[in-house]
Amino acid sequence: MRTVLEEAKSWHRPLMLMVLAMAGLTLASGIGLAVDSREILNESVWLKPFKFSISFVLYGATLAWLLSKLRKAKRFGWWTGTVFALTGVVDVGFIAVQAARGTFSHFNANTDTFNQVGQQVFMSGVIGLFGASLVVAIMLLFQRVGDAPLNRVIRVGIGLAVTGMAIAFYLVGANSQHEQVTDAYGNPVTLGGSHGIGVEAGGPGMPLTHWSTVGGDLRIPHFVGLHAIHFLLLVLLALHLLGRRVAWLRPERVRARLVGVAAFGYAGVMLTVTVQAFRGQALIHPDVQTLGMLGGFLAVSFVALAGVIASARRPVRLPPERGEAFEKLGV
């Protein structure tokens, strides 16, 4: 832990300051969840800033670490990370302010001056966050910042994260359906968009996440994509720890192949929940088509996994002349 903390001092400082601010918001909104009874669409006004602040803590810290690994265009990478940090603070700050006001941050089409200005800033922030992540992804695509397994984790993880962020453009663009609701004080609010497909805002949802249980919800693939890199980093850590006990896991190429299998399986899950959401189907109520799609991806993943393991555990056969040489040496 001490080594990690020492290394963290070299991570992108503006992003780490953003992470600290988001951690503070997580605590504040957590208190709000406990003591503030106000609700909008059947959920606490503080649930959204609570979820967003946690996501930005995880993603911001990961991005700060990744930028410290750059070997080329480090200055440009620093400015890109700074744009992400500033935009993140402004965007999530707006979410928190709207929560304190007892009203909506996303899709709020009301014409009061504060909301109109805030929405313009908010929309610009979505573009800034996506653009900064895309630039970092492209930079990492053409640089080697670690061994083969780590490089694969970074490139696939950031790529899926950017794809997950891209769904936000559909949420605020093509999925613009106007709906009349009320804020925490009963005042009318017009929503100019929705994360739901085939459902009204505020319908039945899962605990904590409030993902719809009766229709499609685009927040699910957005979440899955955003945290792909965290899942793959955990896979890589598990392989590293297991490699201390299992000899055939130690070669770099074996771990890189296993990471590739995990990445394929995760991408398959993301594609499945994306298609499921666009079909207007709830996550917890998959039909035969959804289960078939998921099963196909998992089956291919398990076959690939078995192939990688079998190849890694296969004894290495030396050419005859090399084998005789080792025998003469008594090996």
Protein backbone atom coordinates (compact mmCIF):
# COMPACT_ATOMS: atom_id res chain seq x y z
CA MET A 1 0.00 0.00 0.00
CA ARG A 2 2.86 2.38 0.80
CA THR A 3 4.36 1.72 -2.64
CA VAL A 4 1.04 2.46 -4.32
CA LEU A 5 0.65 5.71 -2.39
CA GLU A 6 4.17 6.77 -3.31
CA GLU A 7 3.51 6.02 -6.98
CA ALA A 8 0.19 7.89 -6.86
CA LYS A 9 2.12 11.10 -6.20
CA SER A 10 3.32 11.00 -9.81
CA TRP A 11 -0.19 10.55 -11.23
CA HIS A 12 -1.92 13.37 -13.10
CA ARG A 13 -2.43 15.99 -10.38
CA PRO A 14 -5.54 17.83 -11.71
CA LEU A 15 -7.31 14.50 -12.13
CA MET A 16 -6.36 13.42 -8.62
CA LEU A 17 -7.70 16.71 -7.28
CA MET A 18 -10.93 15.95 -9.13
CA VAL A 19 -10.94 12.49 -7.54
CA LEU A 20 -10.62 14.06 -4.07
CA ALA A 21 -13.49 16.45 -4.84
CA MET A 22 -15.63 13.53 -6.05
CA ALA A 23 -14.79 11.53 -2.94
CA GLY A 24 -16.00 14.48 -0.85
CA LEU A 25 -19.21 14.61 -2.89
CA THR A 26 -19.69 10.88 -2.37
CA LEU A 27 -19.59 11.44 1.38
CA ALA A 28 -21.87 14.49 1.24
CA SER A 29 -24.44 12.86 -1.02
CA GLY A 30 -24.31 9.71 1.09
CA ILE A 31 -25.29 11.82 4.09
CA GLY A 32 -28.02 13.39 1.95
CA LEU A 33 -29.38 9.94 1.14
CA ALA A 34 -29.67 9.24 4.85
CA VAL A 35 -31.15 12.52 6.11
CA ASP A 36 -32.95 14.15 3.15
CA SER A 37 -36.36 12.67 2.37
CA ARG A 38 -36.94 14.58 -0.88
CA GLU A 39 -37.52 12.46 -3.97
CA ILE A 40 -37.89 12.87 -7.72
CA LEU A 41 -39.27 10.04 -9.82
CA ASN A 42 -39.43 7.79 -6.75
CA GLU A 43 -35.75 8.06 -5.88
CA SER A 44 -33.76 10.30 -3.55
CA VAL A 45 -32.58 13.58 -5.04
CA TRP A 46 -29.08 12.63 -3.84
CA LEU A 47 -28.89 9.23 -5.54
CA LYS A 48 -27.69 10.61 -8.88
CA PRO A 49 -24.77 12.68 -7.49
CA PHE A 50 -23.89 9.73 -5.24
CA LYS A 51 -23.61 7.34 -8.21
CA PHE A 52 -21.86 9.83 -10.47
CA SER A 53 -19.28 10.79 -7.85
CA ILE A 54 -18.34 7.15 -7.25
CA SER A 55 -17.96 6.52 -10.99
CA PHE A 56 -15.77 9.60 -11.39
CA VAL A 57 -13.58 8.56 -8.45
CA LEU A 58 -12.91 5.21 -10.12
CA TYR A 59 -12.55 6.42 -13.69
CA GLY A 60 -10.66 9.61 -12.77
CA ALA A 61 -8.06 7.73 -10.71
CA THR A 62 -7.62 5.19 -13.51
CA LEU A 63 -7.15 7.95 -16.09
CA ALA A 64 -4.66 9.75 -13.83
CA TRP A 65 -2.64 6.53 -13.55
CA LEU A 66 -2.78 5.89 -17.31
CA LEU A 67 -1.57 9.39 -18.19
CA SER A 68 1.43 8.91 -15.92
CA LYS A 69 2.42 5.94 -18.12
CA LEU A 70 2.60 7.91 -21.36
CA ARG A 71 6.02 7.97 -23.01
CA LYS A 72 5.18 10.26 -25.93
CA ALA A 73 3.27 13.56 -26.10
CA LYS A 74 3.18 13.70 -22.32
CA ARG A 75 2.47 17.43 -22.28
CA PHE A 76 -0.48 17.04 -24.62
CA GLY A 77 -1.71 14.16 -22.46
CA TRP A 78 -1.45 16.38 -19.38
CA TRP A 79 -3.65 19.05 -20.96
CA THR A 80 -6.14 16.43 -22.13
CA GLY A 81 -6.42 15.05 -18.61
CA THR A 82 -6.81 18.57 -17.24
CA VAL A 83 -9.72 19.20 -19.62
CA PHE A 84 -11.35 16.00 -18.38
CA ALA A 85 -10.80 17.00 -14.73
CA LEU A 86 -12.24 20.50 -15.12
CA THR A 87 -15.17 19.28 -17.19
CA GLY A 88 -15.89 16.51 -14.70
CA VAL A 89 -15.98 18.92 -11.76
CA VAL A 90 -18.32 21.30 -13.63
CA ASP A 91 -20.65 18.56 -14.86
CA VAL A 92 -20.97 16.59 -11.64
CA GLY A 93 -21.09 19.89 -9.74
CA PHE A 94 -24.16 20.84 -11.78
CA ILE A 95 -25.74 17.48 -10.95
CA ALA A 96 -25.12 18.14 -7.24
CA VAL A 97 -26.51 21.69 -7.41
CA GLN A 98 -29.66 20.50 -9.15
CA ALA A 99 -30.04 17.78 -6.53
CA ALA A 100 -29.79 20.40 -3.77
CA ARG A 101 -32.47 22.42 -5.62
CA GLY A 102 -34.69 19.33 -5.69
CA THR A 103 -34.91 19.17 -9.46
CA PHE A 104 -33.53 17.35 -12.50
CA SER A 105 -30.05 17.72 -13.96
CA HIS A 106 -30.45 15.40 -16.96
CA PHE A 107 -33.01 16.13 -19.70
CA ASN A 108 -34.43 19.17 -17.86
CA ALA A 109 -36.04 21.33 -20.55
CA ASN A 110 -37.53 24.01 -18.26
CA THR A 111 -37.00 27.58 -19.44
CA ASP A 112 -35.78 29.27 -16.24
CA THR A 113 -32.46 31.04 -16.75
CA PHE A 114 -30.39 29.00 -14.30
CA ASN A 115 -31.48 25.71 -15.83
CA GLN A 116 -31.04 26.90 -19.42
CA VAL A 117 -27.49 28.13 -18.80
CA GLY A 118 -26.70 25.05 -16.76
CA GLN A 119 -27.96 22.71 -19.48
CA GLN A 120 -25.75 24.37 -22.09
CA VAL A 121 -22.71 23.98 -19.85
CA PHE A 122 -23.76 20.44 -19.02
CA MET A 123 -24.10 19.43 -22.67
CA SER A 124 -20.72 20.97 -23.49
CA GLY A 125 -19.29 18.92 -20.64
CA VAL A 126 -20.60 15.66 -22.09
CA ILE A 127 -18.74 16.44 -25.32
CA GLY A 128 -15.62 17.43 -23.37
CA LEU A 129 -15.57 14.23 -21.31
CA PHE A 130 -16.11 12.05 -24.36
CA GLY A 131 -13.55 13.98 -26.43
CA ALA A 132 -10.85 13.82 -23.75
CA SER A 133 -11.39 10.09 -23.24
CA LEU A 134 -11.27 9.48 -26.99
CA VAL A 135 -7.98 11.41 -27.32
CA VAL A 136 -6.41 9.44 -24.45
CA ALA A 137 -7.62 6.18 -26.02
CA ILE A 138 -5.99 7.08 -29.35
CA MET A 139 -2.75 8.10 -27.64
CA LEU A 140 -2.58 4.81 -25.73
CA LEU A 141 -3.35 2.85 -28.90
CA PHE A 142 -0.03 3.93 -30.43
CA GLN A 143 2.12 3.67 -27.31
CA ARG A 144 3.43 0.75 -25.30
CA VAL A 145 3.07 1.65 -21.63
CA GLY A 146 3.64 -1.77 -20.08
CA ASP A 147 3.95 -5.47 -20.88
CA ALA A 148 1.64 -7.19 -23.39
CA PRO A 149 -1.12 -8.13 -20.88
CA LEU A 150 -1.28 -4.61 -19.43
CA ASN A 151 -1.28 -3.00 -22.86
CA ARG A 152 -4.19 -5.18 -23.92
CA VAL A 153 -6.13 -4.30 -20.76
CA ILE A 154 -5.56 -0.58 -21.28
CA ARG A 155 -6.43 -0.48 -24.97
CA VAL A 156 -9.53 -2.65 -24.78
CA GLY A 157 -10.69 -1.14 -21.48
CA ILE A 158 -10.41 2.46 -22.62
CA GLY A 159 -11.94 1.57 -25.98
CA LEU A 160 -15.01 0.06 -24.33
CA ALA A 161 -15.21 3.01 -21.92
CA VAL A 162 -15.32 5.46 -24.83
CA THR A 163 -17.98 3.30 -26.50
CA GLY A 164 -20.02 3.36 -23.30
CA MET A 165 -19.70 7.14 -23.11
CA ALA A 166 -20.90 7.44 -26.72
CA ILE A 167 -24.28 6.08 -25.62
CA ALA A 168 -24.76 9.36 -23.74
CA PHE A 169 -25.15 11.11 -27.09
CA TYR A 170 -28.16 8.94 -27.85
CA LEU A 171 -29.57 9.66 -24.42
CA VAL A 172 -29.58 13.41 -25.04
CA GLY A 173 -30.08 13.37 -28.79
CA ALA A 174 -31.95 10.74 -30.74
CA ASN A 175 -33.82 9.57 -27.65
CA SER A 176 -35.44 12.97 -27.09
CA GLN A 177 -39.01 12.33 -26.00
CA HIS A 178 -40.77 15.06 -24.06
CA GLU A 179 -42.51 14.08 -20.86
CA GLN A 180 -44.16 16.08 -18.08
CA VAL A 181 -43.10 15.23 -14.51
CA THR A 182 -42.74 17.06 -11.19
CA ASP A 183 -39.72 17.96 -9.08
CA ALA A 184 -39.27 17.33 -5.34
CA TYR A 185 -41.60 20.23 -4.51
CA GLY A 186 -44.35 19.28 -6.95
CA ASN A 187 -43.40 21.90 -9.55
CA PRO A 188 -43.86 20.86 -13.21
CA VAL A 189 -40.74 19.90 -15.17
CA THR A 190 -40.48 19.01 -18.85
CA LEU A 191 -37.98 16.26 -19.62
CA GLY A 192 -36.49 16.47 -23.10
CA GLY A 193 -34.93 13.01 -23.20
CA SER A 194 -34.84 9.68 -21.43
CA HIS A 195 -32.55 6.79 -20.59
CA GLY A 196 -35.49 4.40 -20.88
CA ILE A 197 -36.68 2.60 -24.00
CA GLY A 198 -40.39 1.84 -24.07
CA VAL A 199 -40.98 2.98 -20.49
CA GLU A 200 -41.99 6.17 -18.74
CA ALA A 201 -39.58 7.98 -16.43
CA GLY A 202 -39.89 6.99 -12.79
CA GLY A 203 -41.16 3.47 -13.38
CA PRO A 204 -40.22 0.39 -11.31
CA GLY A 205 -36.48 -0.01 -10.92
CA MET A 206 -33.79 -2.16 -9.34
CA PRO A 207 -32.46 -1.36 -5.85
CA LEU A 208 -29.81 1.41 -5.70
CA THR A 209 -29.16 1.59 -9.46
CA HIS A 210 -32.87 2.10 -10.27
CA TRP A 211 -32.32 0.47 -13.66
CA SER A 212 -35.72 -0.26 -15.13
CA THR A 213 -37.30 -3.63 -14.36
CA VAL A 214 -40.05 -3.25 -16.95
CA GLY A 215 -38.27 -1.94 -20.07
CA GLY A 216 -34.98 -1.09 -21.73
CA ASP A 217 -32.48 1.12 -19.90
CA LEU A 218 -29.47 2.61 -21.67
CA ARG A 219 -27.75 3.36 -18.38
CA ILE A 220 -26.81 -0.32 -18.23
CA PRO A 221 -24.51 -0.51 -21.30
CA HIS A 222 -23.22 2.97 -20.39
CA PHE A 223 -22.19 1.64 -16.96
CA VAL A 224 -20.79 -1.64 -18.31
CA GLY A 225 -18.64 0.16 -20.87
CA LEU A 226 -17.38 2.83 -18.49
CA HIS A 227 -16.06 0.27 -16.02
CA ALA A 228 -14.64 -2.24 -18.49
CA ILE A 229 -11.08 -1.25 -17.67
CA HIS A 230 -11.65 -1.83 -13.96
CA PHE A 231 -12.92 -5.35 -14.60
CA LEU A 232 -9.96 -6.15 -16.87
CA LEU A 233 -7.46 -4.72 -14.38
CA LEU A 234 -8.93 -7.02 -11.72
CA VAL A 235 -8.54 -9.95 -14.13
CA LEU A 236 -4.92 -8.98 -14.73
CA LEU A 237 -4.27 -8.68 -10.99
CA ALA A 238 -5.79 -12.12 -10.39
CA LEU A 239 -3.59 -13.63 -13.12
CA HIS A 240 -0.52 -11.97 -11.62
CA LEU A 241 -1.28 -13.35 -8.15
CA LEU A 242 -2.09 -16.82 -9.47
CA GLY A 243 1.12 -16.76 -11.49
CA ARG A 244 3.10 -16.91 -8.24
CA ARG A 245 1.70 -20.40 -7.63
CA VAL A 246 0.90 -21.66 -11.14
CA ALA A 247 3.97 -21.96 -13.37
CA TRP A 248 2.17 -22.02 -16.73
CA LEU A 249 0.62 -18.61 -15.98
CA ARG A 250 3.97 -16.87 -15.72
CA PRO A 251 4.78 -16.39 -19.45
CA GLU A 252 3.69 -12.97 -20.64
CA ARG A 253 2.06 -14.32 -23.80
CA VAL A 254 -0.19 -16.66 -21.79
CA ARG A 255 -1.51 -13.88 -19.59
CA ALA A 256 -1.98 -11.64 -22.65
CA ARG A 257 -4.09 -14.34 -24.32
CA LEU A 258 -6.17 -14.85 -21.18
CA VAL A 259 -6.77 -11.11 -20.93
CA GLY A 260 -7.88 -11.21 -24.57
CA VAL A 261 -10.40 -13.94 -23.78
CA ALA A 262 -11.74 -11.96 -20.82
CA ALA A 263 -11.97 -8.82 -22.97
CA PHE A 264 -13.89 -10.67 -25.68
CA GLY A 265 -16.34 -12.08 -23.13
CA TYR A 266 -16.83 -8.68 -21.50
CA ALA A 267 -17.38 -6.99 -24.87
CA GLY A 268 -19.95 -9.68 -25.66
CA VAL A 269 -21.81 -8.95 -22.43
CA MET A 270 -21.74 -5.22 -23.22
CA LEU A 271 -23.08 -5.77 -26.74
CA THR A 272 -25.79 -8.06 -25.38
CA VAL A 273 -27.08 -5.59 -22.80
CA THR A 274 -26.90 -2.79 -25.38
CA VAL A 275 -29.06 -4.70 -27.86
CA GLN A 276 -31.35 -5.75 -25.02
CA ALA A 277 -31.84 -2.14 -23.92
CA PHE A 278 -32.56 -0.90 -27.46
CA ARG A 279 -35.13 -3.69 -27.80
CA GLY A 280 -36.97 -2.22 -24.80
CA GLN A 281 -36.27 -5.22 -22.60
CA ALA A 282 -35.45 -5.12 -18.90
CA LEU A 283 -32.10 -6.52 -17.76
CA ILE A 284 -33.69 -9.01 -15.38
CA HIS A 285 -36.26 -10.27 -17.91
CA PRO A 286 -34.21 -11.57 -20.87
CA ASP A 287 -35.97 -13.50 -23.62
CA VAL A 288 -34.69 -16.39 -25.72
CA GLN A 289 -32.98 -14.06 -28.22
CA THR A 290 -31.06 -12.22 -25.49
CA LEU A 291 -30.09 -15.44 -23.71
CA GLY A 292 -29.01 -16.97 -27.03
CA MET A 293 -26.83 -13.98 -27.85
CA LEU A 294 -25.23 -14.00 -24.41
CA GLY A 295 -24.81 -17.78 -24.49
CA GLY A 296 -23.07 -17.57 -27.87
CA PHE A 297 -20.51 -15.07 -26.63
CA LEU A 298 -19.89 -17.04 -23.44
CA ALA A 299 -19.56 -20.33 -25.33
CA VAL A 300 -16.92 -18.87 -27.66
CA SER A 301 -15.14 -17.38 -24.64
CA PHE A 302 -15.06 -20.72 -22.79
CA VAL A 303 -13.78 -22.56 -25.87
CA ALA A 304 -11.05 -19.93 -26.32
CA LEU A 305 -10.22 -20.14 -22.61
CA ALA A 306 -9.89 -23.92 -22.79
CA GLY A 307 -7.65 -23.60 -25.85
CA VAL A 308 -5.34 -21.08 -24.18
CA ILE A 309 -5.07 -23.18 -21.00
CA ALA A 310 -4.42 -26.39 -22.93
CA SER A 311 -1.72 -24.72 -25.02
CA ALA A 312 -0.08 -23.14 -21.96
CA ARG A 313 0.02 -26.41 -20.02
CA ARG A 314 1.36 -28.46 -22.93
CA PRO A 315 4.97 -29.57 -22.24
CA VAL A 316 7.57 -27.79 -24.33
CA ARG A 317 9.21 -30.23 -26.74
CA LEU A 318 12.80 -29.43 -27.60
CA PRO A 319 14.33 -30.26 -31.00
CA PRO A 320 16.31 -33.57 -30.92
CA GLU A 321 19.71 -31.93 -31.14
CA ARG A 322 18.91 -29.57 -28.23
CA GLY A 323 17.49 -32.43 -26.18
CA GLU A 324 20.67 -34.48 -26.65
CA ALA A 325 22.78 -31.51 -25.64
CA PHE A 326 20.82 -31.10 -22.40
CA GLU A 327 21.15 -34.84 -21.68
CA LYS A 328 24.95 -34.65 -22.06
CA LEU A 329 24.98 -31.82 -19.57
CA GLY A 330 22.95 -33.95 -17.15
CA VAL A 331 19.88 -31.73 -17.36
